[in-house]
């Protein structure tokens, strides 16, 4: 499954012309990087993968719309999978802002 081009466009609109944000095709999706660090990804499986402070990410889990992102069956600390129901309107802005803000705290790559 290809990633959602419209969703990628919505994220581009949100990050604007931020020179610290770049895009890279990864894992069948499109990842937005901040200073070389992965931030938010339009997943090739649908929905979003967002990177947040690992100490805060768990507070967003609801078991339906927001679940831990898993790789090879193992939850990735600080990463969440958000289904389309979780970013229908202004929620997308909130997810992108949280993820980009966290990625800015990481060392430049």
PDB file of N, CA and C in Angstrom:
ATOM      1  N   UNK A   1       0.841  -1.183   0.000  1.00  0.00           N
ATOM      2  CA  UNK A   1       0.000   0.000   0.000  1.00  0.00           C
ATOM      3  C   UNK A   1       0.887   1.248   0.000  1.00  0.00           C
ATOM      4  N   UNK A   2       0.603   2.170  -0.851  1.00  0.00           N
ATOM      5  CA  UNK A   2       1.352   3.428  -0.911  1.00  0.00           C
ATOM      6  C   UNK A   2       0.854   4.372   0.178  1.00  0.00           C
ATOM      7  N   UNK A   3       1.708   5.296   0.563  1.00  0.00           N
ATOM      8  CA  UNK A   3       1.284   6.260   1.580  1.00  0.00           C
ATOM      9  C   UNK A   3       0.296   7.257   0.991  1.00  0.00           C
ATOM     10  N   UNK A   4      -0.452   7.910   1.849  1.00  0.00           N
ATOM     11  CA  UNK A   4      -1.502   8.850   1.485  1.00  0.00           C
ATOM     12  C   UNK A   4      -0.884  10.196   1.091  1.00  0.00           C
ATOM     13  N   UNK A   5      -0.884  10.489  -0.200  1.00  0.00           N
ATOM     14  CA  UNK A   5      -0.289  11.733  -0.709  1.00  0.00           C
ATOM     15  C   UNK A   5      -1.010  12.969  -0.172  1.00  0.00           C
ATOM     16  N   UNK A   6      -2.338  12.880  -0.013  1.00  0.00           N
ATOM     17  CA  UNK A   6      -3.086  14.028   0.512  1.00  0.00           C
ATOM     18  C   UNK A   6      -2.679  14.328   1.950  1.00  0.00           C
ATOM     19  N   UNK A   7      -2.514  13.291   2.736  1.00  0.00           N
ATOM     20  CA  UNK A   7      -2.072  13.481   4.122  1.00  0.00           C
ATOM     21  C   UNK A   7      -0.667  14.081   4.151  1.00  0.00           C
ATOM     22  N   UNK A   8       0.207  13.603   3.287  1.00  0.00           N
ATOM     23  CA  UNK A   8       1.552  14.172   3.209  1.00  0.00           C
ATOM     24  C   UNK A   8       1.480  15.660   2.865  1.00  0.00           C
ATOM     25  N   UNK A   9       0.583  16.023   1.962  1.00  0.00           N
ATOM     26  CA  UNK A   9       0.406  17.430   1.599  1.00  0.00           C
ATOM     27  C   UNK A   9      -0.090  18.262   2.761  1.00  0.00           C
ATOM     28  N   UNK A  10      -1.001  17.696   3.553  1.00  0.00           N
ATOM     29  CA  UNK A  10      -1.493  18.417   4.743  1.00  0.00           C
ATOM     30  C   UNK A  10      -0.354  18.666   5.727  1.00  0.00           C
ATOM     31  N   UNK A  11       0.525  17.684   5.877  1.00  0.00           N
ATOM     32  CA  UNK A  11       1.659  17.864   6.791  1.00  0.00           C
ATOM     33  C   UNK A  11       2.619  18.900   6.226  1.00  0.00           C
ATOM     34  N   UNK A  12       2.873  18.859   4.922  1.00  0.00           N
ATOM     35  CA  UNK A  12       3.737  19.880   4.298  1.00  0.00           C
ATOM     36  C   UNK A  12       3.195  21.280   4.577  1.00  0.00           C
ATOM     37  N   UNK A  13       1.885  21.430   4.463  1.00  0.00           N
ATOM     38  CA  UNK A  13       1.273  22.739   4.740  1.00  0.00           C
ATOM     39  C   UNK A  13       1.520  23.165   6.181  1.00  0.00           C
ATOM     40  N   UNK A  14       1.510  22.213   7.105  1.00  0.00           N
ATOM     41  CA  UNK A  14       1.705  22.535   8.519  1.00  0.00           C
ATOM     42  C   UNK A  14       3.147  22.903   8.843  1.00  0.00           C
ATOM     43  N   UNK A  15       4.111  22.219   8.242  1.00  0.00           N
ATOM     44  CA  UNK A  15       5.515  22.526   8.545  1.00  0.00           C
ATOM     45  C   UNK A  15       6.010  23.698   7.715  1.00  0.00           C
ATOM     46  N   UNK A  16       5.227  24.058   6.699  1.00  0.00           N
ATOM     47  CA  UNK A  16       5.563  25.233   5.888  1.00  0.00           C
ATOM     48  C   UNK A  16       6.934  25.144   5.268  1.00  0.00           C
ATOM     49  N   UNK A  17       7.623  26.231   5.334  1.00  0.00           N
ATOM     50  CA  UNK A  17       8.950  26.302   4.728  1.00  0.00           C
ATOM     51  C   UNK A  17      10.038  26.217   5.782  1.00  0.00           C
ATOM     52  N   UNK A  18       9.777  25.468   6.834  1.00  0.00           N
ATOM     53  CA  UNK A  18      10.744  25.267   7.909  1.00  0.00           C
ATOM     54  C   UNK A  18      11.981  24.593   7.326  1.00  0.00           C
ATOM     55  N   UNK A  19      13.088  25.277   7.350  1.00  0.00           N
ATOM     56  CA  UNK A  19      14.309  24.761   6.733  1.00  0.00           C
ATOM     57  C   UNK A  19      14.903  23.580   7.494  1.00  0.00           C
ATOM     58  N   UNK A  20      14.478  23.386   8.749  1.00  0.00           N
ATOM     59  CA  UNK A  20      14.974  22.257   9.535  1.00  0.00           C
ATOM     60  C   UNK A  20      14.254  20.960   9.196  1.00  0.00           C
ATOM     61  N   UNK A  21      13.136  21.038   8.462  1.00  0.00           N
ATOM     62  CA  UNK A  21      12.320  19.864   8.148  1.00  0.00           C
ATOM     63  C   UNK A  21      12.590  19.407   6.721  1.00  0.00           C
ATOM     64  N   UNK A  22      12.902  18.126   6.589  1.00  0.00           N
ATOM     65  CA  UNK A  22      13.107  17.519   5.280  1.00  0.00           C
ATOM     66  C   UNK A  22      12.223  16.281   5.185  1.00  0.00           C
ATOM     67  N   UNK A  23      12.101  15.758   3.992  1.00  0.00           N
ATOM     68  CA  UNK A  23      11.280  14.568   3.749  1.00  0.00           C
ATOM     69  C   UNK A  23      12.153  13.451   3.207  1.00  0.00           C
ATOM     70  N   UNK A  24      11.781  12.226   3.580  1.00  0.00           N
ATOM     71  CA  UNK A  24      12.504  11.066   3.068  1.00  0.00           C
ATOM     72  C   UNK A  24      11.554   9.878   3.009  1.00  0.00           C
ATOM     73  N   UNK A  25      11.559   9.194   1.878  1.00  0.00           N
ATOM     74  CA  UNK A  25      10.760   7.969   1.757  1.00  0.00           C
ATOM     75  C   UNK A  25      11.462   6.881   2.562  1.00  0.00           C
ATOM     76  N   UNK A  26      10.701   6.299   3.492  1.00  0.00           N
ATOM     77  CA  UNK A  26      11.246   5.247   4.347  1.00  0.00           C
ATOM     78  C   UNK A  26      10.154   4.253   4.693  1.00  0.00           C
ATOM     79  N   UNK A  27      10.487   2.985   4.741  1.00  0.00           N
ATOM     80  CA  UNK A  27       9.588   1.948   5.224  1.00  0.00           C
ATOM     81  C   UNK A  27       8.226   1.958   4.527  1.00  0.00           C
ATOM     82  N   UNK A  28       8.196   2.292   3.257  1.00  0.00           N
ATOM     83  CA  UNK A  28       6.945   2.312   2.517  1.00  0.00           C
ATOM     84  C   UNK A  28       6.089   3.543   2.765  1.00  0.00           C
ATOM     85  N   UNK A  29       6.625   4.501   3.484  1.00  0.00           N
ATOM     86  CA  UNK A  29       5.891   5.730   3.790  1.00  0.00           C
ATOM     87  C   UNK A  29       6.740   6.948   3.500  1.00  0.00           C
ATOM     88  N   UNK A  30       6.319   8.071   4.013  1.00  0.00           N
ATOM     89  CA  UNK A  30       7.058   9.323   3.851  1.00  0.00           C
ATOM     90  C   UNK A  30       7.304   9.895   5.236  1.00  0.00           C
ATOM     91  N   UNK A  31       8.572  10.051   5.567  1.00  0.00           N
ATOM     92  CA  UNK A  31       8.963  10.532   6.887  1.00  0.00           C
ATOM     93  C   UNK A  31       9.416  11.974   6.805  1.00  0.00           C
ATOM     94  N   UNK A  32       8.979  12.760   7.777  1.00  0.00           N
ATOM     95  CA  UNK A  32       9.430  14.135   7.922  1.00  0.00           C
ATOM     96  C   UNK A  32      10.482  14.136   9.021  1.00  0.00           C
ATOM     97  N   UNK A  33      11.662  14.637   8.663  1.00  0.00           N
ATOM     98  CA  UNK A  33      12.782  14.665   9.598  1.00  0.00           C
ATOM     99  C   UNK A  33      13.040  16.097  10.040  1.00  0.00           C
ATOM    100  N   UNK A  34      13.433  16.257  11.288  1.00  0.00           N
ATOM    101  CA  UNK A  34      13.790  17.565  11.832  1.00  0.00           C
ATOM    102  C   UNK A  34      15.256  17.487  12.218  1.00  0.00           C
ATOM    103  N   UNK A  35      16.078  18.287  11.547  1.00  0.00           N
ATOM    104  CA  UNK A  35      17.523  18.259  11.775  1.00  0.00           C
ATOM    105  C   UNK A  35      18.078  16.843  11.672  1.00  0.00           C
ATOM    106  N   UNK A  36      17.503  16.057  10.766  1.00  0.00           N
ATOM    107  CA  UNK A  36      17.968  14.702  10.523  1.00  0.00           C
ATOM    108  C   UNK A  36      17.331  13.641  11.404  1.00  0.00           C
ATOM    109  N   UNK A  37      16.501  14.027  12.356  1.00  0.00           N
ATOM    110  CA  UNK A  37      15.839  13.084  13.253  1.00  0.00           C
ATOM    111  C   UNK A  37      14.415  12.809  12.782  1.00  0.00           C
ATOM    112  N   UNK A  38      14.024  11.542  12.796  1.00  0.00           N
ATOM    113  CA  UNK A  38      12.663  11.184  12.397  1.00  0.00           C
ATOM    114  C   UNK A  38      11.671  11.856  13.332  1.00  0.00           C
ATOM    115  N   UNK A  39      10.599  12.369  12.748  1.00  0.00           N
ATOM    116  CA  UNK A  39       9.584  13.063  13.521  1.00  0.00           C
ATOM    117  C   UNK A  39       8.233  12.401  13.299  1.00  0.00           C
ATOM    118  N   UNK A  40       7.576  12.717  12.218  1.00  0.00           N
ATOM    119  CA  UNK A  40       6.253  12.174  11.913  1.00  0.00           C
ATOM    120  C   UNK A  40       6.320  11.485  10.553  1.00  0.00           C
ATOM    121  N   UNK A  41       5.596  10.367  10.436  1.00  0.00           N
ATOM    122  CA  UNK A  41       5.623   9.583   9.205  1.00  0.00           C
ATOM    123  C   UNK A  41       4.207   9.317   8.713  1.00  0.00           C
ATOM    124  N   UNK A  42       4.000   9.519   7.425  1.00  0.00           N
ATOM    125  CA  UNK A  42       2.768   9.085   6.780  1.00  0.00           C
ATOM    126  C   UNK A  42       3.031   7.627   6.422  1.00  0.00           C
ATOM    127  N   UNK A  43       2.339   6.747   7.110  1.00  0.00           N
ATOM    128  CA  UNK A  43       2.609   5.325   6.990  1.00  0.00           C
ATOM    129  C   UNK A  43       2.074   4.744   5.693  1.00  0.00           C
ATOM    130  N   UNK A  44       2.815   3.826   5.115  1.00  0.00           N
ATOM    131  CA  UNK A  44       2.353   3.091   3.947  1.00  0.00           C
ATOM    132  C   UNK A  44       1.228   2.124   4.296  1.00  0.00           C
ATOM    133  N   UNK A  45       1.003   1.893   5.584  1.00  0.00           N
ATOM    134  CA  UNK A  45      -0.080   1.021   6.054  1.00  0.00           C
ATOM    135  C   UNK A  45      -1.309   1.822   6.449  1.00  0.00           C
ATOM    136  N   UNK A  46      -1.255   3.120   6.226  1.00  0.00           N
ATOM    137  CA  UNK A  46      -2.351   3.999   6.608  1.00  0.00           C
ATOM    138  C   UNK A  46      -2.070   4.659   7.944  1.00  0.00           C
ATOM    139  N   UNK A  47      -2.574   5.846   8.107  1.00  0.00           N
ATOM    140  CA  UNK A  47      -2.398   6.564   9.356  1.00  0.00           C
ATOM    141  C   UNK A  47      -1.022   7.191   9.504  1.00  0.00           C
ATOM    142  N   UNK A  48      -0.748   7.580  10.732  1.00  0.00           N
ATOM    143  CA  UNK A  48       0.499   8.257  11.065  1.00  0.00           C
ATOM    144  C   UNK A  48       1.312   7.451  12.054  1.00  0.00           C
ATOM    145  N   UNK A  49       2.602   7.666  12.015  1.00  0.00           N
ATOM    146  CA  UNK A  49       3.487   7.266  13.098  1.00  0.00           C
ATOM    147  C   UNK A  49       4.059   8.577  13.616  1.00  0.00           C
ATOM    148  N   UNK A  50       3.946   8.802  14.916  1.00  0.00           N
ATOM    149  CA  UNK A  50       4.462  10.032  15.490  1.00  0.00           C
ATOM    150  C   UNK A  50       5.478   9.707  16.569  1.00  0.00           C
ATOM    151  N   UNK A  51       6.496  10.534  16.632  1.00  0.00           N
ATOM    152  CA  UNK A  51       7.547  10.372  17.628  1.00  0.00           C
ATOM    153  C   UNK A  51       7.360  11.447  18.684  1.00  0.00           C
ATOM    154  N   UNK A  52       7.273  11.000  19.938  1.00  0.00           N
ATOM    155  CA  UNK A  52       7.083  11.914  21.052  1.00  0.00           C
ATOM    156  C   UNK A  52       8.089  11.596  22.149  1.00  0.00           C
ATOM    157  N   UNK A  53       8.155  12.468  23.116  1.00  0.00           N
ATOM    158  CA  UNK A  53       8.988  12.211  24.289  1.00  0.00           C
ATOM    159  C   UNK A  53       8.556  10.861  24.870  1.00  0.00           C
ATOM    160  N   UNK A  54       9.481   9.915  25.007  1.00  0.00           N
ATOM    161  CA  UNK A  54       9.110   8.593  25.510  1.00  0.00           C
ATOM    162  C   UNK A  54       8.430   8.629  26.879  1.00  0.00           C
ATOM    163  N   UNK A  55       8.739   9.613  27.695  1.00  0.00           N
ATOM    164  CA  UNK A  55       8.119   9.714  29.016  1.00  0.00           C
ATOM    165  C   UNK A  55       6.678  10.214  28.947  1.00  0.00           C
ATOM    166  N   UNK A  56       6.282  10.817  27.840  1.00  0.00           N
ATOM    167  CA  UNK A  56       4.933  11.377  27.701  1.00  0.00           C
ATOM    168  C   UNK A  56       4.053  10.603  26.724  1.00  0.00           C
ATOM    169  N   UNK A  57       4.654   9.823  25.858  1.00  0.00           N
ATOM    170  CA  UNK A  57       3.903   9.159  24.786  1.00  0.00           C
ATOM    171  C   UNK A  57       2.776   8.282  25.322  1.00  0.00           C
ATOM    172  N   UNK A  58       3.010   7.579  26.401  1.00  0.00           N
ATOM    173  CA  UNK A  58       2.007   6.678  26.948  1.00  0.00           C
ATOM    174  C   UNK A  58       0.716   7.361  27.348  1.00  0.00           C
ATOM    175  N   UNK A  59       0.789   8.641  27.658  1.00  0.00           N
ATOM    176  CA  UNK A  59      -0.412   9.359  28.087  1.00  0.00           C
ATOM    177  C   UNK A  59      -1.408   9.573  26.945  1.00  0.00           C
ATOM    178  N   UNK A  60      -0.977   9.366  25.713  1.00  0.00           N
ATOM    179  CA  UNK A  60      -1.852   9.559  24.554  1.00  0.00           C
ATOM    180  C   UNK A  60      -2.521   8.263  24.086  1.00  0.00           C
ATOM    181  N   UNK A  61      -2.089   7.134  24.618  1.00  0.00           N
ATOM    182  CA  UNK A  61      -2.631   5.845  24.188  1.00  0.00           C
ATOM    183  C   UNK A  61      -4.088   5.694  24.602  1.00  0.00           C
ATOM    184  N   UNK A  62      -4.906   5.213  23.670  1.00  0.00           N
ATOM    185  CA  UNK A  62      -6.297   4.925  24.016  1.00  0.00           C
ATOM    186  C   UNK A  62      -6.693   3.500  23.614  1.00  0.00           C
ATOM    187  N   UNK A  63      -5.787   2.779  22.964  1.00  0.00           N
ATOM    188  CA  UNK A  63      -6.050   1.394  22.598  1.00  0.00           C
ATOM    189  C   UNK A  63      -6.876   1.191  21.343  1.00  0.00           C
ATOM    190  N   UNK A  64      -7.393   2.256  20.782  1.00  0.00           N
ATOM    191  CA  UNK A  64      -8.203   2.171  19.557  1.00  0.00           C
ATOM    192  C   UNK A  64      -7.619   3.026  18.455  1.00  0.00           C
ATOM    193  N   UNK A  65      -7.617   4.318  18.700  1.00  0.00           N
ATOM    194  CA  UNK A  65      -7.178   5.292  17.701  1.00  0.00           C
ATOM    195  C   UNK A  65      -5.680   5.538  17.805  1.00  0.00           C
ATOM    196  N   UNK A  66      -5.170   5.508  19.020  1.00  0.00           N
ATOM    197  CA  UNK A  66      -3.747   5.724  19.271  1.00  0.00           C
ATOM    198  C   UNK A  66      -3.201   4.508  20.007  1.00  0.00           C
ATOM    199  N   UNK A  67      -2.276   3.819  19.349  1.00  0.00           N
ATOM    200  CA  UNK A  67      -1.695   2.596  19.905  1.00  0.00           C
ATOM    201  C   UNK A  67      -0.174   2.682  19.792  1.00  0.00           C
ATOM    202  N   UNK A  68       0.540   1.859  20.551  1.00  0.00           N
ATOM    203  CA  UNK A  68       2.003   1.868  20.408  1.00  0.00           C
ATOM    204  C   UNK A  68       2.397   1.435  18.993  1.00  0.00           C
ATOM    205  N   UNK A  69       3.422   2.053  18.458  1.00  0.00           N
ATOM    206  CA  UNK A  69       3.964   1.600  17.179  1.00  0.00           C
ATOM    207  C   UNK A  69       4.876   0.427  17.476  1.00  0.00           C
ATOM    208  N   UNK A  70       4.683  -0.653  16.738  1.00  0.00           N
ATOM    209  CA  UNK A  70       5.496  -1.847  16.944  1.00  0.00           C
ATOM    210  C   UNK A  70       6.319  -2.155  15.712  1.00  0.00           C
ATOM    211  N   UNK A  71       7.532  -2.605  15.953  1.00  0.00           N
ATOM    212  CA  UNK A  71       8.391  -3.073  14.879  1.00  0.00           C
ATOM    213  C   UNK A  71       8.793  -4.502  15.231  1.00  0.00           C
ATOM    214  N   UNK A  72       8.465  -5.416  14.341  1.00  0.00           N
ATOM    215  CA  UNK A  72       8.721  -6.846  14.561  1.00  0.00           C
ATOM    216  C   UNK A  72       8.100  -7.327  15.871  1.00  0.00           C
ATOM    217  N   UNK A  73       6.904  -6.828  16.165  1.00  0.00           N
ATOM    218  CA  UNK A  73       6.177  -7.255  17.346  1.00  0.00           C
ATOM    219  C   UNK A  73       6.598  -6.603  18.649  1.00  0.00           C
ATOM    220  N   UNK A  74       7.559  -5.690  18.580  1.00  0.00           N
ATOM    221  CA  UNK A  74       8.067  -5.040  19.790  1.00  0.00           C
ATOM    222  C   UNK A  74       7.694  -3.551  19.768  1.00  0.00           C
ATOM    223  N   UNK A  75       7.051  -3.050  20.826  1.00  0.00           N
ATOM    224  CA  UNK A  75       6.716  -1.622  20.873  1.00  0.00           C
ATOM    225  C   UNK A  75       7.985  -0.764  20.854  1.00  0.00           C
ATOM    226  N   UNK A  76       7.950   0.287  20.075  1.00  0.00           N
ATOM    227  CA  UNK A  76       9.086   1.208  19.979  1.00  0.00           C
ATOM    228  C   UNK A  76       8.830   2.369  20.946  1.00  0.00           C
ATOM    229  N   UNK A  77       9.690   2.533  21.898  1.00  0.00           N
ATOM    230  CA  UNK A  77       9.519   3.548  22.932  1.00  0.00           C
ATOM    231  C   UNK A  77       9.461   4.948  22.316  1.00  0.00           C
ATOM    232  N   UNK A  78       8.401   5.677  22.658  1.00  0.00           N
ATOM    233  CA  UNK A  78       8.245   7.046  22.163  1.00  0.00           C
ATOM    234  C   UNK A  78       7.537   7.164  20.825  1.00  0.00           C
ATOM    235  N   UNK A  79       7.187   6.044  20.218  1.00  0.00           N
ATOM    236  CA  UNK A  79       6.526   6.060  18.912  1.00  0.00           C
ATOM    237  C   UNK A  79       5.083   5.575  19.047  1.00  0.00           C
ATOM    238  N   UNK A  80       4.165   6.285  18.403  1.00  0.00           N
ATOM    239  CA  UNK A  80       2.753   5.934  18.416  1.00  0.00           C
ATOM    240  C   UNK A  80       2.234   5.790  16.993  1.00  0.00           C
ATOM    241  N   UNK A  81       1.252   4.920  16.832  1.00  0.00           N
ATOM    242  CA  UNK A  81       0.533   4.808  15.561  1.00  0.00           C
ATOM    243  C   UNK A  81      -0.829   5.442  15.779  1.00  0.00           C
ATOM    244  N   UNK A  82      -1.190   6.383  14.913  1.00  0.00           N
ATOM    245  CA  UNK A  82      -2.455   7.101  15.023  1.00  0.00           C
ATOM    246  C   UNK A  82      -3.282   6.774  13.779  1.00  0.00           C
ATOM    247  N   UNK A  83      -4.472   6.228  13.995  1.00  0.00           N
ATOM    248  CA  UNK A  83      -5.344   5.911  12.866  1.00  0.00           C
ATOM    249  C   UNK A  83      -5.965   7.196  12.325  1.00  0.00           C
ATOM    250  N   UNK A  84      -6.564   7.103  11.165  1.00  0.00           N
ATOM    251  CA  UNK A  84      -7.157   8.272  10.507  1.00  0.00           C
ATOM    252  C   UNK A  84      -8.184   8.973  11.381  1.00  0.00           C
ATOM    253  N   UNK A  85      -8.884   8.230  12.213  1.00  0.00           N
ATOM    254  CA  UNK A  85      -9.886   8.835  13.100  1.00  0.00           C
ATOM    255  C   UNK A  85      -9.231   9.794  14.101  1.00  0.00           C
ATOM    256  N   UNK A  86      -7.932   9.678  14.298  1.00  0.00           N
ATOM    257  CA  UNK A  86      -7.223  10.506  15.263  1.00  0.00           C
ATOM    258  C   UNK A  86      -6.676  11.802  14.717  1.00  0.00           C
ATOM    259  N   UNK A  87      -6.904  12.071  13.426  1.00  0.00           N
ATOM    260  CA  UNK A  87      -6.388  13.327  12.864  1.00  0.00           C
ATOM    261  C   UNK A  87      -7.292  13.859  11.764  1.00  0.00           C
ATOM    262  N   UNK A  88      -8.578  13.750  11.984  1.00  0.00           N
ATOM    263  CA  UNK A  88      -9.541  14.185  10.968  1.00  0.00           C
ATOM    264  C   UNK A  88      -9.550  15.685  10.746  1.00  0.00           C
ATOM    265  N   UNK A  89      -9.304  16.472  11.773  1.00  0.00           N
ATOM    266  CA  UNK A  89      -9.335  17.931  11.595  1.00  0.00           C
ATOM    267  C   UNK A  89      -8.121  18.551  12.271  1.00  0.00           C
ATOM    268  N   UNK A  90      -8.344  19.339  13.304  1.00  0.00           N
ATOM    269  CA  UNK A  90      -7.243  20.036  13.971  1.00  0.00           C
ATOM    270  C   UNK A  90      -6.293  19.097  14.697  1.00  0.00           C
ATOM    271  N   UNK A  91      -6.723  17.858  14.923  1.00  0.00           N
ATOM    272  CA  UNK A  91      -5.851  16.919  15.616  1.00  0.00           C
ATOM    273  C   UNK A  91      -4.536  16.712  14.858  1.00  0.00           C
ATOM    274  N   UNK A  92      -4.572  16.762  13.529  1.00  0.00           N
ATOM    275  CA  UNK A  92      -3.349  16.574  12.757  1.00  0.00           C
ATOM    276  C   UNK A  92      -2.333  17.632  13.131  1.00  0.00           C
ATOM    277  N   UNK A  93      -2.755  18.887  13.215  1.00  0.00           N
ATOM    278  CA  UNK A  93      -1.848  19.973  13.609  1.00  0.00           C
ATOM    279  C   UNK A  93      -1.212  19.663  14.966  1.00  0.00           C
ATOM    280  N   UNK A  94      -2.012  19.197  15.902  1.00  0.00           N
ATOM    281  CA  UNK A  94      -1.498  18.910  17.243  1.00  0.00           C
ATOM    282  C   UNK A  94      -0.461  17.793  17.219  1.00  0.00           C
ATOM    283  N   UNK A  95      -0.740  16.717  16.471  1.00  0.00           N
ATOM    284  CA  UNK A  95       0.230  15.622  16.382  1.00  0.00           C
ATOM    285  C   UNK A  95       1.534  16.082  15.738  1.00  0.00           C
ATOM    286  N   UNK A  96       1.423  16.821  14.645  1.00  0.00           N
ATOM    287  CA  UNK A  96       2.621  17.280  13.936  1.00  0.00           C
ATOM    288  C   UNK A  96       3.419  18.228  14.824  1.00  0.00           C
ATOM    289  N   UNK A  97       2.753  19.168  15.466  1.00  0.00           N
ATOM    290  CA  UNK A  97       3.464  20.115  16.325  1.00  0.00           C
ATOM    291  C   UNK A  97       4.167  19.403  17.476  1.00  0.00           C
ATOM    292  N   UNK A  98       3.482  18.457  18.121  1.00  0.00           N
ATOM    293  CA  UNK A  98       4.111  17.714  19.220  1.00  0.00           C
ATOM    294  C   UNK A  98       5.343  16.960  18.746  1.00  0.00           C
ATOM    295  N   UNK A  99       5.202  16.294  17.607  1.00  0.00           N
ATOM    296  CA  UNK A  99       6.286  15.472  17.093  1.00  0.00           C
ATOM    297  C   UNK A  99       7.480  16.306  16.643  1.00  0.00           C
ATOM    298  N   UNK A 100       7.209  17.384  15.929  1.00  0.00           N
ATOM    299  CA  UNK A 100       8.291  18.263  15.471  1.00  0.00           C
ATOM    300  C   UNK A 100       8.977  18.916  16.676  1.00  0.00           C
ATOM    301  N   UNK A 101       8.197  19.343  17.640  1.00  0.00           N
ATOM    302  CA  UNK A 101       8.763  19.970  18.844  1.00  0.00           C
ATOM    303  C   UNK A 101       9.695  18.999  19.564  1.00  0.00           C
ATOM    304  N   UNK A 102       9.271  17.748  19.707  1.00  0.00           N
ATOM    305  CA  UNK A 102      10.137  16.773  20.365  1.00  0.00           C
ATOM    306  C   UNK A 102      11.407  16.537  19.549  1.00  0.00           C
ATOM    307  N   UNK A 103      11.279  16.369  18.251  1.00  0.00           N
ATOM    308  CA  UNK A 103      12.451  16.090  17.407  1.00  0.00           C
ATOM    309  C   UNK A 103      13.461  17.232  17.471  1.00  0.00           C
ATOM    310  N   UNK A 104      12.991  18.444  17.703  1.00  0.00           N
ATOM    311  CA  UNK A 104      13.907  19.590  17.838  1.00  0.00           C
ATOM    312  C   UNK A 104      14.799  19.483  19.078  1.00  0.00           C
ATOM    313  N   UNK A 105      14.367  18.707  20.074  1.00  0.00           N
ATOM    314  CA  UNK A 105      15.164  18.571  21.297  1.00  0.00           C
ATOM    315  C   UNK A 105      16.311  17.585  21.125  1.00  0.00           C
ATOM    316  N   UNK A 106      16.296  16.824  20.038  1.00  0.00           N
ATOM    317  CA  UNK A 106      17.311  15.797  19.815  1.00  0.00           C
ATOM    318  C   UNK A 106      18.551  16.395  19.155  1.00  0.00           C
ATOM    319  N   UNK A 107      19.712  15.791  19.368  1.00  0.00           N
ATOM    320  CA  UNK A 107      20.924  16.301  18.721  1.00  0.00           C
ATOM    321  C   UNK A 107      20.807  16.255  17.197  1.00  0.00           C
ATOM    322  N   UNK A 108      21.356  17.248  16.534  1.00  0.00           N
ATOM    323  CA  UNK A 108      21.344  17.285  15.066  1.00  0.00           C
ATOM    324  C   UNK A 108      22.130  16.101  14.535  1.00  0.00           C
ATOM    325  N   UNK A 109      21.649  15.581  13.410  1.00  0.00           N
ATOM    326  CA  UNK A 109      22.368  14.489  12.740  1.00  0.00           C
ATOM    327  C   UNK A 109      22.990  15.001  11.472  1.00  0.00           C
TER     328      UNK A 109
END
